[in-house]
Protein backbone atom coordinates (compact mmCIF):
# COMPACT_ATOMS: atom_id res chain seq x y z
CA MET A 1 -38.74 9.33 14.28
CA VAL A 2 -35.13 8.87 15.26
CA TYR A 3 -33.54 5.64 14.42
CA PHE A 4 -29.75 6.25 15.37
CA VAL A 5 -28.12 8.03 18.29
CA ASP A 6 -25.05 9.18 16.30
CA ARG A 7 -22.97 7.67 13.19
CA LEU A 8 -21.09 5.13 15.49
CA ASP A 9 -24.15 3.65 16.69
CA ALA A 10 -25.27 3.60 13.01
CA GLY A 11 -22.13 1.67 11.93
CA ARG A 12 -22.32 -0.70 14.87
CA ARG A 13 -26.03 -1.64 13.69
CA LEU A 14 -24.94 -1.61 10.06
CA ALA A 15 -22.16 -3.94 10.78
CA ALA A 16 -24.50 -6.49 12.29
CA ARG A 17 -26.32 -6.62 8.90
CA LEU A 18 -22.93 -7.51 7.22
CA GLU A 19 -21.69 -10.46 9.34
CA HIS A 20 -22.04 -12.78 6.52
CA LEU A 21 -18.94 -11.24 4.84
CA ARG A 22 -16.72 -11.94 7.63
CA GLY A 23 -13.95 -14.13 6.80
CA GLN A 24 -14.01 -13.03 3.25
CA ASP A 25 -11.58 -11.12 1.42
CA VAL A 26 -13.21 -7.73 2.05
CA VAL A 27 -12.19 -3.88 1.88
CA VAL A 28 -14.59 -1.42 3.29
CA LEU A 29 -14.76 2.00 1.55
CA GLY A 30 -16.32 4.86 3.43
CA LEU A 31 -17.59 8.22 1.70
CA PRO A 32 -16.16 11.17 3.27
CA ARG A 33 -16.94 12.88 5.42
CA GLY A 34 -19.75 11.19 7.59
CA GLY A 35 -19.68 7.73 5.81
CA VAL A 36 -16.17 7.09 6.92
CA THR A 37 -17.23 7.15 10.39
CA VAL A 38 -19.89 4.90 9.74
CA ALA A 39 -17.78 2.59 7.93
CA ALA A 40 -14.99 2.64 10.58
CA GLN A 41 -17.45 0.61 12.90
CA VAL A 42 -18.05 -1.79 10.04
CA ALA A 43 -14.58 -2.33 9.33
CA ASP A 44 -13.56 -2.87 12.79
CA ALA A 45 -16.41 -5.49 13.23
CA LEU A 46 -15.62 -7.39 9.84
CA GLY A 47 -11.72 -7.37 10.64
CA ALA A 48 -11.37 -5.50 7.36
CA PRO A 49 -9.05 -2.73 5.84
CA LEU A 50 -10.54 0.67 5.81
CA ASP A 51 -10.10 3.41 2.84
CA ALA A 52 -11.99 6.32 1.87
CA VAL A 53 -13.64 6.61 -1.75
CA VAL A 54 -13.74 10.26 -2.39
CA VAL A 55 -16.63 11.47 -4.42
CA ARG A 56 -18.03 15.05 -4.61
CA LYS A 57 -21.67 15.98 -5.40
CA LEU A 58 -22.41 18.14 -8.54
CA GLY A 59 -24.90 20.71 -7.03
CA VAL A 60 -27.50 22.55 -9.03
CA PRO A 61 -26.18 26.19 -8.98
CA PHE A 62 -29.06 27.93 -7.63
CA GLN A 63 -30.00 24.88 -5.23
CA PRO A 64 -26.48 23.37 -4.11
CA GLU A 65 -28.15 20.50 -1.94
CA LEU A 66 -29.92 19.02 -5.14
CA ALA A 67 -27.51 16.79 -7.01
CA MET A 68 -27.23 17.29 -10.77
CA GLY A 69 -24.60 14.34 -10.50
CA ALA A 70 -21.32 13.19 -8.94
CA ILE A 71 -17.63 12.76 -9.83
CA GLY A 72 -15.07 10.29 -8.29
CA GLU A 73 -11.45 9.46 -8.41
CA GLY A 74 -10.15 7.78 -11.38
CA GLY A 75 -12.18 10.05 -13.79
CA VAL A 76 -15.58 8.55 -12.85
CA ARG A 77 -18.55 10.75 -13.61
CA VAL A 78 -22.31 10.18 -13.04
CA LEU A 79 -24.76 12.74 -14.29
CA ASN A 80 -28.52 12.91 -13.52
CA ASP A 81 -30.36 13.69 -16.75
CA ASP A 82 -33.60 14.55 -15.30
CA VAL A 83 -32.23 17.17 -13.00
CA LEU A 84 -30.23 18.54 -15.61
CA SER A 85 -33.08 18.73 -17.89
CA ARG A 86 -35.75 20.08 -15.60
CA GLY A 87 -33.25 22.76 -14.19
CA ARG A 88 -32.05 23.82 -17.76
CA ILE A 89 -28.73 23.71 -16.66
CA PRO A 90 -26.17 24.75 -19.48
CA ARG A 91 -23.28 22.66 -20.22
CA TRP A 92 -20.76 25.51 -19.21
CA ARG A 93 -22.32 25.86 -15.66
CA LEU A 94 -22.28 22.21 -15.30
CA ASP A 95 -18.39 22.32 -16.39
CA GLN A 96 -17.79 25.07 -13.87
CA VAL A 97 -19.28 23.26 -10.93
CA GLU A 98 -17.21 20.14 -11.91
CA GLU A 99 -14.02 21.80 -12.10
CA GLN A 100 -14.48 23.33 -8.62
CA GLU A 101 -15.67 19.95 -7.12
CA LEU A 102 -12.80 18.29 -8.88
CA ALA A 103 -10.13 20.39 -7.33
CA GLU A 104 -11.78 19.77 -3.84
CA LEU A 105 -12.07 16.06 -4.50
CA HIS A 106 -7.93 15.95 -5.16
CA ARG A 107 -7.50 18.07 -2.11
CA ARG A 108 -9.50 15.66 0.08
CA ALA A 109 -8.00 12.57 -1.29
CA THR A 110 -4.66 13.69 -0.48
CA LEU A 111 -5.52 14.97 2.99
CA TYR A 112 -7.33 11.92 4.10
CA ARG A 113 -4.58 9.33 3.00
CA GLY A 114 -1.68 11.42 3.85
CA GLY A 115 -0.23 11.26 0.24
CA ARG A 116 -0.51 7.32 0.47
CA PRO A 117 -2.12 5.30 -2.48
CA GLY A 118 -5.27 3.92 -2.09
CA ILE A 119 -5.88 -0.02 -0.72
CA ASP A 120 -5.43 -2.45 -3.57
CA ILE A 121 -8.92 -3.62 -4.05
CA ARG A 122 -8.60 -5.65 -7.14
CA GLY A 123 -10.09 -9.01 -7.11
CA ARG A 124 -11.66 -8.24 -3.44
CA THR A 125 -15.34 -7.70 -2.28
CA VAL A 126 -15.64 -3.95 -1.53
CA VAL A 127 -18.21 -2.66 0.90
CA VAL A 128 -19.15 0.92 0.14
CA VAL A 129 -20.62 2.58 3.08
CA ASP A 130 -22.21 6.00 3.54
CA ASP A 131 -24.33 7.43 6.38
CA GLY A 132 -27.55 7.25 4.34
CA ILE A 133 -29.14 7.44 1.00
CA ALA A 134 -30.80 10.51 -0.40
CA THR A 135 -30.84 11.16 -4.09
CA GLY A 136 -28.05 8.20 -4.70
CA ALA A 137 -25.75 9.84 -7.02
CA THR A 138 -22.72 9.81 -4.85
CA ALA A 139 -23.44 6.24 -3.93
CA ARG A 140 -23.69 5.40 -7.40
CA ALA A 141 -20.17 7.14 -8.20
CA ALA A 142 -18.52 5.44 -5.36
CA CYS A 143 -19.49 2.06 -6.47
CA GLN A 144 -18.45 2.96 -10.21
CA VAL A 145 -15.03 4.09 -8.56
CA ALA A 146 -14.77 0.66 -7.01
CA ARG A 147 -15.48 -1.15 -10.15
CA ALA A 148 -12.89 0.91 -12.22
CA ARG A 149 -10.37 0.15 -9.47
CA GLY A 150 -10.91 -3.68 -10.14
CA ALA A 151 -13.36 -4.58 -7.17
CA ALA A 152 -14.87 -8.10 -7.99
CA ARG A 153 -17.81 -7.79 -6.15
CA VAL A 154 -19.43 -4.47 -4.72
CA VAL A 155 -21.78 -4.40 -1.84
CA LEU A 156 -23.50 -0.87 -1.15
CA ALA A 157 -24.43 -0.52 2.48
CA VAL A 158 -26.05 2.19 4.54
CA PRO A 159 -28.10 2.80 7.79
CA VAL A 160 -30.90 4.47 6.01
CA ALA A 161 -32.55 5.00 2.76
CA PRO A 162 -35.93 5.87 1.30
CA ARG A 163 -38.35 3.11 0.17
CA GLY A 164 -37.56 1.75 -3.20
CA TRP A 165 -34.03 2.84 -3.06
CA THR A 166 -33.13 -0.62 -4.29
CA ALA A 167 -34.99 -0.05 -7.46
CA GLU A 168 -33.16 3.11 -7.99
CA LEU A 169 -29.78 1.66 -7.32
CA GLY A 170 -30.19 -2.02 -8.07
CA ASP A 171 -27.87 -1.83 -11.06
CA THR A 172 -25.19 -0.20 -8.97
CA ALA A 173 -23.89 -2.88 -6.65
CA ASP A 174 -23.96 -6.76 -6.46
CA GLU A 175 -25.74 -6.43 -2.97
CA LEU A 176 -27.53 -3.71 -1.14
CA VAL A 177 -27.73 -3.60 2.48
CA CYS A 178 -29.61 -1.10 4.58
CA VAL A 179 -30.90 -1.04 8.52
CA ASP A 180 -34.07 0.78 7.88
CA THR A 181 -36.08 2.37 4.98
CA PRO A 182 -38.82 4.63 6.60
CA ALA A 183 -41.93 5.60 4.69
CA THR A 184 -41.49 9.31 5.40
CA PHE A 185 -38.15 10.56 4.26
CA PHE A 186 -37.10 14.01 3.89
CA GLY A 187 -33.49 14.03 4.75
CA ILE A 188 -30.64 11.70 6.22
CA GLY A 189 -30.29 13.70 9.33
CA GLN A 190 -33.96 13.55 10.38
CA PHE A 191 -33.04 9.82 11.47
CA TYR A 192 -30.13 10.73 13.48
CA ALA A 193 -30.14 12.33 17.35
CA ASP A 194 -26.61 13.58 16.47
CA PHE A 195 -26.02 14.54 12.90
CA SER A 196 -23.36 17.21 13.40
CA GLN A 197 -20.65 17.57 10.67
CA THR A 198 -17.78 15.18 10.46
CA ALA A 199 -14.55 17.03 10.45
CA ASP A 200 -11.47 16.33 8.06
CA GLU A 201 -9.44 15.34 11.19
CA GLU A 202 -11.93 12.54 12.14
CA VAL A 203 -11.82 11.16 8.69
CA THR A 204 -8.01 10.95 8.51
CA ALA A 205 -8.08 9.72 12.16
CA CYS A 206 -10.62 6.86 11.29
CA LEU A 207 -8.28 5.83 8.35
CA ALA A 208 -4.98 5.84 10.45
CA GLY A 209 -6.60 3.85 13.20
CA ALA A 210 -7.77 1.25 10.87
CA ALA A 211 -4.44 0.79 9.31
CA GLU A 212 -2.57 0.66 12.44
CA ARG A 213 -5.24 -2.11 13.63
CA ILE A 214 -4.36 -3.96 10.39
CA ARG A 215 -0.78 -3.89 10.94
CA SER A 216 -0.75 -4.89 14.52
CA ALA A 217 -3.01 -7.80 13.47
CA GLN A 218 -0.58 -8.93 10.86
CA CYS A 219 2.27 -8.43 12.92
CA THR A 220 0.82 -10.50 15.57
CA ALA A 221 -0.16 -13.27 13.29
CA ALA A 222 3.39 -13.55 11.83
CA ARG A 223 5.13 -13.63 15.34
CA SER A 224 2.09 -16.25 16.65
CA VAL A 225 1.80 -18.47 13.38
CA GLY A 226 4.77 -17.75 11.34
CA PRO A 227 6.23 -19.93 8.45
CA SER A 228 7.71 -23.31 9.37
CA PRO A 229 11.46 -23.38 9.42
CA VAL A 230 12.96 -23.62 5.77
CA ASP A 231 16.53 -24.11 4.81
CA GLU A 232 17.03 -25.50 1.32
CA GLU A 233 18.73 -24.90 -2.20
CA VAL A 234 15.92 -23.39 -4.61
CA GLY A 235 15.47 -22.74 -8.08
CA VAL A 236 14.12 -19.08 -8.77
CA GLN A 237 12.22 -18.66 -11.87
CA ALA A 238 13.20 -15.47 -13.47
CA GLY A 239 11.47 -14.78 -16.71
CA ALA A 240 12.76 -17.84 -19.05
CA VAL A 241 15.69 -18.70 -16.85
CA ARG A 242 16.15 -20.37 -13.46
CA LEU A 243 18.43 -19.17 -10.95
CA GLY A 244 20.07 -21.08 -8.28
CA GLY A 245 19.32 -19.76 -4.75
CA ARG A 246 19.41 -20.75 -1.13
CA LEU A 247 16.38 -19.76 1.04
CA ARG A 248 16.33 -19.94 4.72
CA VAL A 249 13.01 -19.29 6.86
CA PRO A 250 13.52 -19.31 10.51
CA GLU A 251 10.60 -20.16 12.69
CA GLY A 252 8.17 -17.34 13.05
CA ALA A 253 9.92 -15.15 10.32
CA THR A 254 8.66 -11.57 10.26
CA GLY A 255 9.99 -10.50 7.00
CA VAL A 256 12.26 -11.87 3.97
CA ILE A 257 15.35 -10.38 2.62
CA ALA A 258 16.47 -10.72 -1.01
CA PHE A 259 20.12 -10.51 -1.63
CA ALA A 260 21.65 -8.91 -4.64
CA HIS A 261 25.33 -9.54 -4.85
CA GLY A 262 27.85 -7.40 -6.76
CA SER A 263 29.84 -7.93 -9.66
CA GLY A 264 32.08 -11.32 -9.88
CA SER A 265 30.16 -12.70 -6.82
CA SER A 266 27.32 -15.23 -6.51
CA ARG A 267 24.99 -16.67 -3.71
CA HIS A 268 28.18 -18.41 -2.31
CA SER A 269 29.46 -14.92 -1.33
CA PRO A 270 30.92 -15.36 2.22
CA ARG A 271 30.22 -11.69 3.10
CA ASN A 272 26.61 -11.85 2.08
CA ARG A 273 26.35 -15.47 3.68
CA PHE A 274 27.60 -13.75 6.87
CA VAL A 275 25.26 -11.11 6.97
CA ALA A 276 22.24 -13.30 5.91
CA GLU A 277 23.16 -15.81 8.84
CA ALA A 278 22.92 -12.81 11.38
CA LEU A 279 19.46 -11.75 9.98
CA ASN A 280 18.31 -15.23 10.26
CA ARG A 281 19.22 -15.15 14.06
CA VAL A 282 16.77 -12.29 14.47
CA GLY A 283 13.93 -13.69 12.85
CA LEU A 284 14.36 -12.68 9.05
CA ALA A 285 14.10 -15.13 6.14
CA THR A 286 16.75 -14.74 3.43
CA LEU A 287 17.25 -15.38 -0.20
CA LEU A 288 20.67 -15.64 -1.55
CA PHE A 289 20.51 -16.41 -5.23
CA ASP A 290 22.41 -15.94 -8.34
CA LEU A 291 21.33 -12.73 -10.63
CA LEU A 292 22.78 -14.60 -13.70
CA THR A 293 23.21 -18.17 -15.13
CA ARG A 294 26.63 -19.14 -16.09
CA ASP A 295 26.34 -18.68 -19.62
CA GLU A 296 25.04 -14.92 -18.77
CA GLU A 297 28.27 -14.42 -16.59
CA ALA A 298 30.67 -14.91 -19.21
CA ASP A 299 29.53 -11.99 -21.03
CA ARG A 300 30.86 -9.24 -18.62
CA ALA A 301 28.38 -6.69 -19.97
CA ASN A 302 25.56 -8.39 -18.13
CA VAL A 303 27.31 -7.99 -14.94
CA PHE A 304 27.00 -4.36 -15.09
CA ASP A 305 23.75 -4.32 -16.81
CA THR A 306 21.68 -2.72 -13.76
CA ALA A 307 18.42 -2.80 -15.59
CA LEU A 308 18.54 -6.73 -16.25
CA LEU A 309 19.99 -7.51 -12.61
CA ALA A 310 17.14 -5.19 -11.16
CA GLY A 311 14.37 -7.20 -13.32
CA ARG A 312 15.83 -10.41 -12.03
CA LEU A 313 15.57 -9.15 -8.37
CA ARG A 314 11.89 -8.22 -9.09
CA ASP A 315 11.10 -11.81 -10.52
CA ALA A 316 12.76 -13.17 -7.26
CA THR A 317 10.63 -10.89 -5.06
CA CYS A 318 7.39 -12.44 -7.23
CA TRP A 319 8.55 -15.97 -6.59
CA LEU A 320 9.09 -15.20 -2.78
CA ARG A 321 5.69 -13.87 -2.70
CA ASP A 322 4.49 -17.23 -4.13
CA GLN A 323 6.27 -19.55 -1.77
CA PRO A 324 4.29 -21.09 1.12
CA GLY A 325 7.14 -20.28 3.40
CA THR A 326 7.30 -16.55 2.76
CA ARG A 327 3.95 -15.58 1.07
CA GLY A 328 2.64 -12.73 2.91
CA LEU A 329 5.86 -11.59 4.41
CA PRO A 330 7.08 -8.10 3.91
CA VAL A 331 10.08 -8.14 1.43
CA GLY A 332 13.28 -5.94 1.72
CA TYR A 333 16.40 -5.83 -0.27
CA PHE A 334 20.17 -6.25 0.72
CA GLY A 335 22.63 -5.01 -2.04
CA ALA A 336 26.23 -5.12 -1.96
CA SER A 337 28.58 -3.10 -4.13
CA THR A 338 26.85 -2.83 -7.82
CA GLY A 339 24.28 -5.14 -6.41
CA ALA A 340 22.88 -2.02 -4.55
CA ALA A 341 22.31 -0.28 -7.74
CA ALA A 342 20.18 -3.34 -8.85
CA ALA A 343 18.23 -3.22 -5.44
CA LEU A 344 17.61 0.65 -5.69
CA TRP A 345 16.70 0.19 -9.50
CA ALA A 346 13.93 -2.45 -8.58
CA ALA A 347 12.65 -0.60 -5.30
CA ALA A 348 12.24 2.65 -7.64
CA GLU A 349 9.41 0.82 -9.78
CA PRO A 350 6.11 2.31 -9.67
CA ASP A 351 4.31 -0.75 -8.36
CA ALA A 352 7.27 -1.91 -6.04
CA GLN A 353 6.23 -2.96 -2.33
CA VAL A 354 9.75 -3.17 -0.81
CA ALA A 355 9.54 -2.50 2.99
CA ALA A 356 13.37 -1.58 3.37
CA VAL A 357 16.58 -1.37 1.35
CA VAL A 358 20.08 -1.75 2.71
CA SER A 359 23.46 -1.06 0.71
CA ARG A 360 26.72 -2.38 1.70
CA GLY A 361 29.73 -0.64 0.01
CA GLY A 362 27.10 -0.15 -2.72
CA ARG A 363 27.18 2.10 -5.72
CA PRO A 364 23.74 3.77 -5.68
CA ASP A 365 24.94 6.48 -8.21
CA LEU A 366 24.45 3.76 -10.81
CA THR A 367 20.73 4.07 -10.26
CA GLY A 368 20.73 7.53 -11.57
CA PRO A 369 17.59 9.54 -11.68
CA ARG A 370 15.58 6.65 -10.43
CA LEU A 371 16.85 7.17 -6.78
CA ALA A 372 14.38 10.07 -6.53
CA ALA A 373 11.41 7.63 -7.26
CA VAL A 374 12.67 5.07 -4.37
CA ARG A 375 10.18 4.95 -1.64
CA ALA A 376 11.38 2.51 0.71
CA PRO A 377 13.35 3.42 3.61
CA THR A 378 17.06 3.27 2.80
CA LEU A 379 20.30 2.59 4.71
CA LEU A 380 23.58 3.23 3.12
CA VAL A 381 26.52 1.63 4.93
CA VAL A 382 29.99 2.43 3.75
CA GLY A 383 33.54 1.85 5.02
CA GLY A 384 35.33 5.13 6.34
CA ARG A 385 38.41 4.30 4.30
CA ASP A 386 36.51 3.80 0.99
CA GLU A 387 36.63 7.22 0.29
CA LEU A 388 35.70 7.03 -3.26
CA VAL A 389 32.43 5.08 -2.59
CA LEU A 390 31.81 7.19 0.54
CA ALA A 391 31.74 10.39 -1.63
CA LEU A 392 29.59 8.72 -4.36
CA ASN A 393 26.92 7.51 -1.24
CA ARG A 394 26.77 10.96 -0.03
CA GLN A 395 26.23 12.46 -3.42
CA ALA A 396 23.49 9.78 -4.04
CA GLN A 397 21.83 10.33 -0.85
CA THR A 398 20.85 13.88 -1.94
CA TRP A 399 18.83 12.59 -4.54
CA LEU A 400 17.03 9.99 -2.30
CA ARG A 401 13.58 11.56 -1.38
CA CYS A 402 12.73 8.76 0.87
CA GLU A 403 13.79 7.95 4.44
CA SER A 404 17.46 7.45 4.40
CA ARG A 405 20.69 7.13 6.67
CA LEU A 406 24.41 7.06 5.41
CA SER A 407 26.43 5.01 8.31
CA VAL A 408 30.04 5.14 8.02
CA VAL A 409 31.90 2.19 9.47
CA PRO A 410 35.18 3.53 10.82
CA GLY A 411 38.40 2.13 9.68
CA ALA A 412 36.63 -0.43 7.09
CA THR A 413 37.62 -0.73 3.48
CA HIS A 414 35.34 -1.48 0.63
CA LEU A 415 35.18 -5.27 1.53
CA PHE A 416 34.69 -4.84 5.17
CA GLU A 417 37.50 -7.25 5.90
CA GLU A 418 38.51 -5.70 9.10
CA PRO A 419 38.12 -7.26 12.37
CA GLY A 420 34.40 -6.59 13.68
CA ALA A 421 33.69 -4.40 10.51
CA LEU A 422 31.24 -6.89 8.73
CA GLU A 423 29.48 -7.72 12.37
CA THR A 424 28.91 -4.00 12.70
CA VAL A 425 27.27 -4.16 8.87
CA ALA A 426 25.22 -7.18 10.03
CA ASP A 427 23.97 -5.22 13.39
CA LEU A 428 23.21 -1.94 11.35
CA ALA A 429 21.10 -4.11 8.73
CA GLY A 430 19.18 -6.29 11.38
CA ARG A 431 18.18 -2.96 13.29
CA TRP A 432 17.05 -1.26 9.99
CA PHE A 433 14.98 -3.94 8.83
CA ALA A 434 13.64 -4.58 12.41
CA ASP A 435 12.38 -1.18 12.44
CA HIS A 436 10.87 -1.00 8.88
CA MET A 437 9.62 -4.49 7.90
CA VAL A 438 6.11 -3.77 8.57
CA PRO A 439 3.61 -5.53 6.43
CA LEU A 440 2.31 -3.24 3.76
CA LEU A 441 -1.47 -2.73 2.77
CA ALA A 442 -0.76 -1.63 -0.63
CA HIS A 443 1.89 0.58 -1.76
CA ALA A 444 4.72 1.67 0.44
CA ALA A 445 4.00 5.40 1.23
CA PRO A 446 6.87 8.01 0.75
CA VAL A 447 8.18 9.25 3.95
CA ARG A 448 10.02 12.23 4.81
CA ARG A 449 14.02 12.03 4.74
CA HIS A 450 15.80 13.06 7.91
């Protein structure tokens, strides 16, 4: 009667049935806890990202193993009307069970991902994996969660299920895959030699291991087949205007840095060009661009409009992510003076995917309360003799909730014109970006400040 040694064995055998998905834009979602162990084998075989899809069964109060429904992330709710009717379950009991399971759902989602947001599955093929199908309530809810999060196609895959499961769940997914459907089916555990309970620690380890595998693969790909060298004047489309810029992409670039200059400066700033060239030498692409058109610069109010400048920086980021030479590269921001406020303002947006920020003689205080929403690791570089700006940066750092560091360049003034001062800035920036420019799977996760 036993078909699988354990969940690892089941996952490897299930992966063999899913080989036709290799090479597609696939994300694997495992149902905690046991389904994640199976899903990890599938994700590894397909070279796909792995995430958890947290669903909780709503067990009948007097028979908890019998599902009267299920709930999932994003407010998904599936009820088994037949079980509710036969069990004569009153609405208040259903609500009571749902409230208890909702709290556990949120606890597990936070625990498993370590506070990180889920992988973006919009427009992608999603493979929902569990260690088996019994009633199908949780699997149905999991597929609905995937649909609600924007999956273009949903595949439900399990090692074992009762005969006739496709008729029961045929409308749940676009494709159903199962290794075996035995005639006699009492429970999933009867088909495993080892069906011991999976611990929360095993789930988090599977997710962390899969994330590291994807990051390593992306870094290797970036180093080995990075974009071809580029050095050209460009026009950056930002809303209705087109902004002049200079894009440089060294061979094998591992990231791209967008520069936000300060008031009264432009893409021709000699200090920013000096830093950009230093970053190019360590394998980072750079975009120096004008935040305003010439007509806009005539109105000094625009020069200090942080929200406007941050919007231009975000538009430039979208433009970078659409260019052949920089597509797929992690993006960082280098802001100087008031441009640093614009960089941090843009990095604080909820959907910002910014790998790191460096501020040179910046005014992060102009970002205001939005500083607390910045998630990208942030380096603040200030001259030791720039006393007012140094005090403002020290205060601003207390508002940051991301990983941050304040580096003071001894003897330097606001413009870092002293011998060796700008070289120090470039070296600090290069090291910070090198340590943090890791390809992002989704949104950058908050990191504890130290």
